[in-house]
Amino acid sequence: MEQLAEFITNHLLLVITFLGLAGALTWNIFFDPVNKAAVDPLQSTILINHDDAVIVDVRSIADFNKGHIVNAVNIPLNSLAKQLQQLEKYKDKPIIVACRSGSRSGMACKTLMKNGFKDVHNLRGGMMAWESAGLPVKRK
């Protein structure tokens, strides 16, 4: 026990940094609403087929045209806040937000939640997971 106290006093900055990172990780895992609402591709298909969920693809138009989920709405992340009126008609439906890997769509989910969208889900793994699951992709 004496060695632990000595270590903490000798490496106070290291201990504080570790505790801060551990706290942030705990918050992200257990309390972040975007992580709680994340769905995998199989869960997404259930939401689409049974609850009429809408897919919002936040990738660039060029990436969207290379391949996207059938009937997805493309609103690039950098213009999402300006184009929220396009999604107003879907406010009462589940919305699944997709990007390439699932990280940028998390930011889009937060934007939608802040603007009153209640049933918002992040596609865990993004289009890479969707395609890996062998689910249909529409290509132009």
N, C-alpha and C. Protein backbone atom coordinates (compact mmCIF):
# COMPACT_ATOMS: atom_id res chain seq x y z
N MET A 1 0.83 -1.20 0.00
CA MET A 1 0.00 0.00 0.00
C MET A 1 0.87 1.26 0.00
N GLU A 2 2.00 1.18 0.71
CA GLU A 2 2.91 2.31 0.74
C GLU A 2 3.49 2.59 -0.64
N GLN A 3 3.74 1.50 -1.38
CA GLN A 3 4.30 1.66 -2.72
C GLN A 3 3.29 2.32 -3.66
N LEU A 4 2.01 2.00 -3.49
CA LEU A 4 0.97 2.63 -4.32
C LEU A 4 0.91 4.12 -4.03
N ALA A 5 0.93 4.48 -2.76
CA ALA A 5 0.89 5.90 -2.39
C ALA A 5 2.12 6.63 -2.93
N GLU A 6 3.27 5.99 -2.84
CA GLU A 6 4.50 6.59 -3.36
C GLU A 6 4.43 6.75 -4.88
N PHE A 7 3.92 5.72 -5.58
CA PHE A 7 3.78 5.79 -7.03
C PHE A 7 2.86 6.95 -7.42
N ILE A 8 1.72 7.05 -6.73
CA ILE A 8 0.76 8.12 -7.04
C ILE A 8 1.39 9.49 -6.84
N THR A 9 2.09 9.68 -5.75
CA THR A 9 2.70 11.00 -5.51
C THR A 9 3.83 11.28 -6.50
N ASN A 10 4.56 10.25 -6.90
CA ASN A 10 5.66 10.47 -7.85
C ASN A 10 5.18 10.66 -9.29
N HIS A 11 4.01 10.12 -9.59
CA HIS A 11 3.50 10.17 -10.97
C HIS A 11 2.07 10.73 -10.99
N LEU A 12 1.90 11.84 -10.32
CA LEU A 12 0.56 12.42 -10.17
C LEU A 12 -0.08 12.75 -11.53
N LEU A 13 0.66 13.33 -12.44
CA LEU A 13 0.11 13.68 -13.76
C LEU A 13 -0.33 12.43 -14.52
N LEU A 14 0.46 11.40 -14.46
CA LEU A 14 0.12 10.13 -15.11
C LEU A 14 -1.17 9.54 -14.52
N VAL A 15 -1.30 9.55 -13.21
CA VAL A 15 -2.48 9.00 -12.54
C VAL A 15 -3.72 9.82 -12.89
N ILE A 16 -3.60 11.14 -12.89
CA ILE A 16 -4.74 12.00 -13.23
C ILE A 16 -5.17 11.76 -14.68
N THR A 17 -4.21 11.64 -15.59
CA THR A 17 -4.52 11.36 -16.99
C THR A 17 -5.22 10.02 -17.14
N PHE A 18 -4.72 9.01 -16.45
CA PHE A 18 -5.35 7.69 -16.51
C PHE A 18 -6.79 7.74 -16.00
N LEU A 19 -7.01 8.39 -14.88
CA LEU A 19 -8.37 8.47 -14.32
C LEU A 19 -9.31 9.23 -15.25
N GLY A 20 -8.79 10.29 -15.88
CA GLY A 20 -9.61 11.05 -16.82
C GLY A 20 -10.00 10.22 -18.03
N LEU A 21 -9.05 9.49 -18.58
CA LEU A 21 -9.34 8.63 -19.74
C LEU A 21 -10.29 7.50 -19.37
N ALA A 22 -10.10 6.92 -18.21
CA ALA A 22 -11.00 5.85 -17.77
C ALA A 22 -12.43 6.39 -17.59
N GLY A 23 -12.54 7.59 -17.04
CA GLY A 23 -13.86 8.20 -16.88
C GLY A 23 -14.51 8.50 -18.22
N ALA A 24 -13.74 9.03 -19.15
CA ALA A 24 -14.29 9.33 -20.48
C ALA A 24 -14.72 8.07 -21.20
N LEU A 25 -13.94 7.03 -21.10
CA LEU A 25 -14.29 5.75 -21.73
C LEU A 25 -15.56 5.18 -21.11
N THR A 26 -15.66 5.24 -19.80
CA THR A 26 -16.86 4.76 -19.11
C THR A 26 -18.08 5.54 -19.56
N TRP A 27 -17.96 6.85 -19.64
CA TRP A 27 -19.07 7.68 -20.09
C TRP A 27 -19.48 7.29 -21.50
N ASN A 28 -18.51 7.14 -22.37
CA ASN A 28 -18.78 6.83 -23.77
C ASN A 28 -19.48 5.48 -23.91
N ILE A 29 -19.08 4.51 -23.14
CA ILE A 29 -19.67 3.18 -23.25
C ILE A 29 -21.06 3.11 -22.64
N PHE A 30 -21.25 3.69 -21.48
CA PHE A 30 -22.49 3.48 -20.74
C PHE A 30 -23.52 4.60 -20.85
N PHE A 31 -23.09 5.83 -21.15
CA PHE A 31 -24.03 6.94 -21.08
C PHE A 31 -24.24 7.70 -22.37
N ASP A 32 -23.43 7.48 -23.38
CA ASP A 32 -23.58 8.20 -24.65
C ASP A 32 -24.81 7.68 -25.39
N PRO A 33 -25.81 8.54 -25.66
CA PRO A 33 -27.03 8.07 -26.30
C PRO A 33 -26.82 7.52 -27.71
N VAL A 34 -25.79 7.97 -28.40
CA VAL A 34 -25.53 7.47 -29.75
C VAL A 34 -25.09 6.00 -29.69
N ASN A 35 -24.23 5.66 -28.72
CA ASN A 35 -23.80 4.27 -28.59
C ASN A 35 -24.94 3.37 -28.16
N LYS A 36 -25.82 3.87 -27.31
CA LYS A 36 -26.96 3.07 -26.86
C LYS A 36 -27.90 2.77 -28.02
N ALA A 37 -28.00 3.68 -28.97
CA ALA A 37 -28.95 3.54 -30.06
C ALA A 37 -28.31 2.95 -31.32
N ALA A 38 -27.09 2.47 -31.23
CA ALA A 38 -26.43 1.90 -32.41
C ALA A 38 -27.07 0.55 -32.75
N VAL A 39 -27.21 0.31 -34.05
CA VAL A 39 -27.78 -0.96 -34.52
C VAL A 39 -26.84 -1.57 -35.55
N ASP A 40 -26.79 -2.89 -35.57
CA ASP A 40 -25.98 -3.56 -36.58
C ASP A 40 -26.82 -3.74 -37.84
N PRO A 41 -26.24 -4.21 -38.94
CA PRO A 41 -27.00 -4.33 -40.18
C PRO A 41 -28.25 -5.20 -40.07
N LEU A 42 -28.19 -6.30 -39.31
CA LEU A 42 -29.37 -7.15 -39.16
C LEU A 42 -30.50 -6.42 -38.43
N GLN A 43 -30.16 -5.74 -37.35
CA GLN A 43 -31.17 -4.96 -36.63
C GLN A 43 -31.74 -3.86 -37.52
N SER A 44 -30.90 -3.30 -38.37
CA SER A 44 -31.35 -2.25 -39.28
C SER A 44 -32.40 -2.78 -40.25
N THR A 45 -32.16 -3.98 -40.79
CA THR A 45 -33.14 -4.54 -41.72
C THR A 45 -34.47 -4.79 -41.03
N ILE A 46 -34.43 -5.18 -39.76
CA ILE A 46 -35.67 -5.37 -39.02
C ILE A 46 -36.40 -4.05 -38.87
N LEU A 47 -35.67 -2.99 -38.53
CA LEU A 47 -36.30 -1.66 -38.41
C LEU A 47 -36.86 -1.19 -39.75
N ILE A 48 -36.14 -1.47 -40.83
CA ILE A 48 -36.61 -1.05 -42.15
C ILE A 48 -37.87 -1.81 -42.54
N ASN A 49 -37.86 -3.13 -42.35
CA ASN A 49 -38.97 -3.97 -42.80
C ASN A 49 -40.21 -3.89 -41.91
N HIS A 50 -40.03 -3.73 -40.61
CA HIS A 50 -41.17 -3.78 -39.70
C HIS A 50 -41.64 -2.41 -39.21
N ASP A 51 -40.69 -1.46 -39.11
CA ASP A 51 -41.04 -0.15 -38.56
C ASP A 51 -40.92 0.97 -39.59
N ASP A 52 -40.70 0.63 -40.85
CA ASP A 52 -40.60 1.63 -41.91
C ASP A 52 -39.49 2.65 -41.66
N ALA A 53 -38.35 2.19 -41.15
CA ALA A 53 -37.24 3.09 -40.86
C ALA A 53 -36.70 3.73 -42.13
N VAL A 54 -36.16 4.91 -41.98
CA VAL A 54 -35.58 5.66 -43.09
C VAL A 54 -34.06 5.66 -42.91
N ILE A 55 -33.34 5.40 -44.00
CA ILE A 55 -31.88 5.43 -43.97
C ILE A 55 -31.42 6.80 -44.44
N VAL A 56 -30.59 7.45 -43.63
CA VAL A 56 -29.98 8.72 -44.02
C VAL A 56 -28.48 8.45 -44.16
N ASP A 57 -27.98 8.59 -45.37
CA ASP A 57 -26.57 8.35 -45.68
C ASP A 57 -25.86 9.69 -45.66
N VAL A 58 -24.88 9.86 -44.77
CA VAL A 58 -24.21 11.15 -44.62
C VAL A 58 -22.85 11.21 -45.32
N ARG A 59 -22.59 10.27 -46.22
CA ARG A 59 -21.36 10.31 -47.00
C ARG A 59 -21.47 11.35 -48.11
N SER A 60 -20.37 11.61 -48.76
CA SER A 60 -20.38 12.56 -49.89
C SER A 60 -21.23 11.99 -51.02
N ILE A 61 -21.64 12.86 -51.90
CA ILE A 61 -22.47 12.44 -53.04
C ILE A 61 -21.71 11.43 -53.91
N ALA A 62 -20.41 11.64 -54.09
CA ALA A 62 -19.61 10.71 -54.90
C ALA A 62 -19.59 9.32 -54.27
N ASP A 63 -19.38 9.25 -52.96
CA ASP A 63 -19.38 7.95 -52.28
C ASP A 63 -20.76 7.31 -52.32
N PHE A 64 -21.79 8.13 -52.15
CA PHE A 64 -23.17 7.64 -52.19
C PHE A 64 -23.47 7.01 -53.55
N ASN A 65 -23.02 7.66 -54.62
CA ASN A 65 -23.27 7.15 -55.97
C ASN A 65 -22.51 5.87 -56.29
N LYS A 66 -21.42 5.61 -55.56
CA LYS A 66 -20.67 4.37 -55.77
C LYS A 66 -21.43 3.16 -55.21
N GLY A 67 -22.33 3.40 -54.28
CA GLY A 67 -23.12 2.32 -53.71
C GLY A 67 -23.76 2.75 -52.41
N HIS A 68 -25.06 2.50 -52.28
CA HIS A 68 -25.78 2.89 -51.07
C HIS A 68 -26.91 1.91 -50.78
N ILE A 69 -27.46 2.03 -49.60
CA ILE A 69 -28.60 1.20 -49.21
C ILE A 69 -29.81 1.65 -50.02
N VAL A 70 -30.60 0.70 -50.48
CA VAL A 70 -31.77 0.99 -51.31
C VAL A 70 -32.69 1.96 -50.56
N ASN A 71 -33.18 2.97 -51.26
CA ASN A 71 -34.09 4.00 -50.76
C ASN A 71 -33.46 4.92 -49.72
N ALA A 72 -32.15 4.94 -49.60
CA ALA A 72 -31.48 5.84 -48.65
C ALA A 72 -31.58 7.28 -49.13
N VAL A 73 -31.64 8.19 -48.18
CA VAL A 73 -31.64 9.62 -48.47
C VAL A 73 -30.21 10.11 -48.24
N ASN A 74 -29.64 10.79 -49.22
CA ASN A 74 -28.26 11.26 -49.08
C ASN A 74 -28.25 12.72 -48.68
N ILE A 75 -27.74 12.98 -47.49
CA ILE A 75 -27.49 14.34 -47.02
C ILE A 75 -26.09 14.34 -46.43
N PRO A 76 -25.10 14.87 -47.15
CA PRO A 76 -23.72 14.86 -46.62
C PRO A 76 -23.64 15.51 -45.24
N LEU A 77 -22.78 14.98 -44.41
CA LEU A 77 -22.66 15.44 -43.03
C LEU A 77 -22.42 16.93 -42.92
N ASN A 78 -21.58 17.48 -43.80
CA ASN A 78 -21.26 18.91 -43.71
C ASN A 78 -22.44 19.82 -44.03
N SER A 79 -23.51 19.29 -44.61
CA SER A 79 -24.68 20.13 -44.90
C SER A 79 -25.93 19.64 -44.17
N LEU A 80 -25.76 18.71 -43.24
CA LEU A 80 -26.92 18.13 -42.55
C LEU A 80 -27.72 19.18 -41.78
N ALA A 81 -27.05 20.02 -41.03
CA ALA A 81 -27.75 21.02 -40.23
C ALA A 81 -28.58 21.97 -41.09
N LYS A 82 -28.10 22.26 -42.30
CA LYS A 82 -28.81 23.16 -43.20
C LYS A 82 -29.98 22.48 -43.92
N GLN A 83 -29.94 21.15 -44.00
CA GLN A 83 -30.95 20.42 -44.77
C GLN A 83 -31.88 19.58 -43.90
N LEU A 84 -32.01 19.92 -42.64
CA LEU A 84 -32.87 19.16 -41.73
C LEU A 84 -34.34 19.16 -42.16
N GLN A 85 -34.76 20.21 -42.86
CA GLN A 85 -36.16 20.29 -43.30
C GLN A 85 -36.52 19.13 -44.23
N GLN A 86 -35.52 18.57 -44.93
CA GLN A 86 -35.77 17.41 -45.80
C GLN A 86 -36.21 16.20 -44.98
N LEU A 87 -35.80 16.16 -43.72
CA LEU A 87 -36.10 15.00 -42.88
C LEU A 87 -37.30 15.21 -41.97
N GLU A 88 -37.87 16.39 -41.95
CA GLU A 88 -39.00 16.68 -41.06
C GLU A 88 -40.15 15.70 -41.24
N LYS A 89 -40.40 15.28 -42.48
CA LYS A 89 -41.51 14.36 -42.73
C LYS A 89 -41.26 12.97 -42.14
N TYR A 90 -40.01 12.69 -41.74
CA TYR A 90 -39.68 11.39 -41.16
C TYR A 90 -39.51 11.45 -39.64
N LYS A 91 -39.91 12.55 -39.03
CA LYS A 91 -39.67 12.75 -37.60
C LYS A 91 -40.34 11.68 -36.73
N ASP A 92 -41.44 11.12 -37.19
CA ASP A 92 -42.15 10.11 -36.42
C ASP A 92 -41.72 8.68 -36.74
N LYS A 93 -40.76 8.53 -37.65
CA LYS A 93 -40.27 7.20 -38.03
C LYS A 93 -38.87 6.99 -37.46
N PRO A 94 -38.47 5.73 -37.31
CA PRO A 94 -37.08 5.48 -36.94
C PRO A 94 -36.14 5.93 -38.06
N ILE A 95 -35.05 6.54 -37.69
CA ILE A 95 -34.05 6.99 -38.66
C ILE A 95 -32.75 6.26 -38.36
N ILE A 96 -32.18 5.65 -39.39
CA ILE A 96 -30.90 4.98 -39.28
C ILE A 96 -29.89 5.79 -40.08
N VAL A 97 -28.84 6.25 -39.41
CA VAL A 97 -27.85 7.09 -40.06
C VAL A 97 -26.64 6.22 -40.42
N ALA A 98 -26.19 6.34 -41.66
CA ALA A 98 -25.08 5.52 -42.15
C ALA A 98 -23.99 6.40 -42.74
N CYS A 99 -22.76 5.95 -42.57
CA CYS A 99 -21.61 6.55 -43.25
C CYS A 99 -20.73 5.39 -43.71
N ARG A 100 -19.48 5.62 -43.96
CA ARG A 100 -18.61 4.55 -44.44
C ARG A 100 -18.34 3.51 -43.35
N SER A 101 -17.95 4.00 -42.14
CA SER A 101 -17.54 3.06 -41.09
C SER A 101 -18.35 3.16 -39.80
N GLY A 102 -19.19 4.16 -39.68
CA GLY A 102 -20.01 4.31 -38.48
C GLY A 102 -19.57 5.40 -37.54
N SER A 103 -18.48 6.08 -37.85
CA SER A 103 -18.00 7.12 -36.93
C SER A 103 -18.61 8.49 -37.23
N ARG A 104 -18.61 8.91 -38.49
CA ARG A 104 -19.20 10.22 -38.83
C ARG A 104 -20.70 10.22 -38.63
N SER A 105 -21.32 9.06 -38.81
CA SER A 105 -22.77 9.00 -38.61
C SER A 105 -23.14 9.23 -37.15
N GLY A 106 -22.21 8.96 -36.24
CA GLY A 106 -22.45 9.25 -34.82
C GLY A 106 -22.65 10.74 -34.60
N MET A 107 -21.84 11.56 -35.28
CA MET A 107 -22.00 13.01 -35.18
C MET A 107 -23.34 13.44 -35.76
N ALA A 108 -23.73 12.82 -36.85
CA ALA A 108 -25.02 13.15 -37.46
C ALA A 108 -26.17 12.76 -36.53
N CYS A 109 -26.05 11.64 -35.85
CA CYS A 109 -27.08 11.22 -34.89
C CYS A 109 -27.26 12.27 -33.80
N LYS A 110 -26.14 12.78 -33.29
CA LYS A 110 -26.21 13.81 -32.25
C LYS A 110 -26.91 15.06 -32.78
N THR A 111 -26.62 15.44 -34.01
CA THR A 111 -27.28 16.61 -34.60
C THR A 111 -28.78 16.39 -34.71
N LEU A 112 -29.18 15.21 -35.16
CA LEU A 112 -30.60 14.91 -35.30
C LEU A 112 -31.29 14.89 -33.94
N MET A 113 -30.65 14.29 -32.95
CA MET A 113 -31.24 14.23 -31.61
C MET A 113 -31.42 15.62 -31.02
N LYS A 114 -30.43 16.49 -31.24
CA LYS A 114 -30.52 17.86 -30.73
C LYS A 114 -31.65 18.63 -31.40
N ASN A 115 -32.04 18.22 -32.60
CA ASN A 115 -33.09 18.91 -33.34
C ASN A 115 -34.44 18.22 -33.23
N GLY A 116 -34.62 17.40 -32.22
CA GLY A 116 -35.94 16.86 -31.92
C GLY A 116 -36.29 15.52 -32.53
N PHE A 117 -35.37 14.88 -33.21
CA PHE A 117 -35.64 13.55 -33.74
C PHE A 117 -35.44 12.55 -32.60
N LYS A 118 -36.47 11.77 -32.33
CA LYS A 118 -36.47 10.92 -31.15
C LYS A 118 -35.87 9.54 -31.39
N ASP A 119 -36.22 8.91 -32.49
CA ASP A 119 -35.87 7.51 -32.74
C ASP A 119 -34.74 7.44 -33.77
N VAL A 120 -33.51 7.78 -33.33
CA VAL A 120 -32.36 7.87 -34.21
C VAL A 120 -31.38 6.76 -33.86
N HIS A 121 -30.90 6.06 -34.89
CA HIS A 121 -29.97 4.95 -34.70
C HIS A 121 -28.74 5.13 -35.59
N ASN A 122 -27.59 4.78 -35.05
CA ASN A 122 -26.35 4.81 -35.81
C ASN A 122 -26.09 3.40 -36.35
N LEU A 123 -25.85 3.28 -37.65
CA LEU A 123 -25.53 1.99 -38.25
C LEU A 123 -24.11 1.60 -37.85
N ARG A 124 -24.00 0.68 -36.90
CA ARG A 124 -22.70 0.25 -36.38
C ARG A 124 -21.89 -0.40 -37.50
N GLY A 125 -20.72 0.15 -37.76
CA GLY A 125 -19.86 -0.39 -38.82
C GLY A 125 -20.13 0.24 -40.18
N GLY A 126 -21.18 1.02 -40.30
CA GLY A 126 -21.49 1.74 -41.53
C GLY A 126 -21.69 0.86 -42.74
N MET A 127 -21.42 1.43 -43.90
CA MET A 127 -21.60 0.70 -45.16
C MET A 127 -20.64 -0.48 -45.27
N MET A 128 -19.50 -0.40 -44.62
CA MET A 128 -18.56 -1.52 -44.66
C MET A 128 -19.20 -2.75 -44.00
N ALA A 129 -19.87 -2.55 -42.88
CA ALA A 129 -20.54 -3.67 -42.20
C ALA A 129 -21.74 -4.15 -43.00
N TRP A 130 -22.46 -3.21 -43.61
CA TRP A 130 -23.63 -3.55 -44.41
C TRP A 130 -23.23 -4.46 -45.57
N GLU A 131 -22.18 -4.06 -46.28
CA GLU A 131 -21.71 -4.86 -47.41
C GLU A 131 -21.10 -6.18 -46.96
N SER A 132 -20.40 -6.18 -45.83
CA SER A 132 -19.82 -7.42 -45.30
C SER A 132 -20.90 -8.43 -44.93
N ALA A 133 -22.07 -7.92 -44.53
CA ALA A 133 -23.18 -8.80 -44.17
C ALA A 133 -23.88 -9.33 -45.41
N GLY A 134 -23.47 -8.89 -46.59
CA GLY A 134 -24.05 -9.37 -47.84
C GLY A 134 -25.42 -8.78 -48.13
N LEU A 135 -25.72 -7.64 -47.55
CA LEU A 135 -27.02 -6.99 -47.77
C LEU A 135 -26.99 -6.18 -49.06
N PRO A 136 -28.17 -5.95 -49.66
CA PRO A 136 -28.20 -5.32 -50.99
C PRO A 136 -27.71 -3.87 -50.99
N VAL A 137 -26.99 -3.54 -52.05
CA VAL A 137 -26.47 -2.18 -52.27
C VAL A 137 -26.88 -1.77 -53.67
N LYS A 138 -27.41 -0.56 -53.76
CA LYS A 138 -27.79 -0.02 -55.07
C LYS A 138 -26.63 0.81 -55.60
N ARG A 139 -26.26 0.53 -56.84
CA ARG A 139 -25.16 1.26 -57.47
C ARG A 139 -25.69 2.01 -58.69
N LYS A 140 -25.18 3.21 -58.87
CA LYS A 140 -25.63 4.01 -60.03
C LYS A 140 -24.67 3.86 -61.15
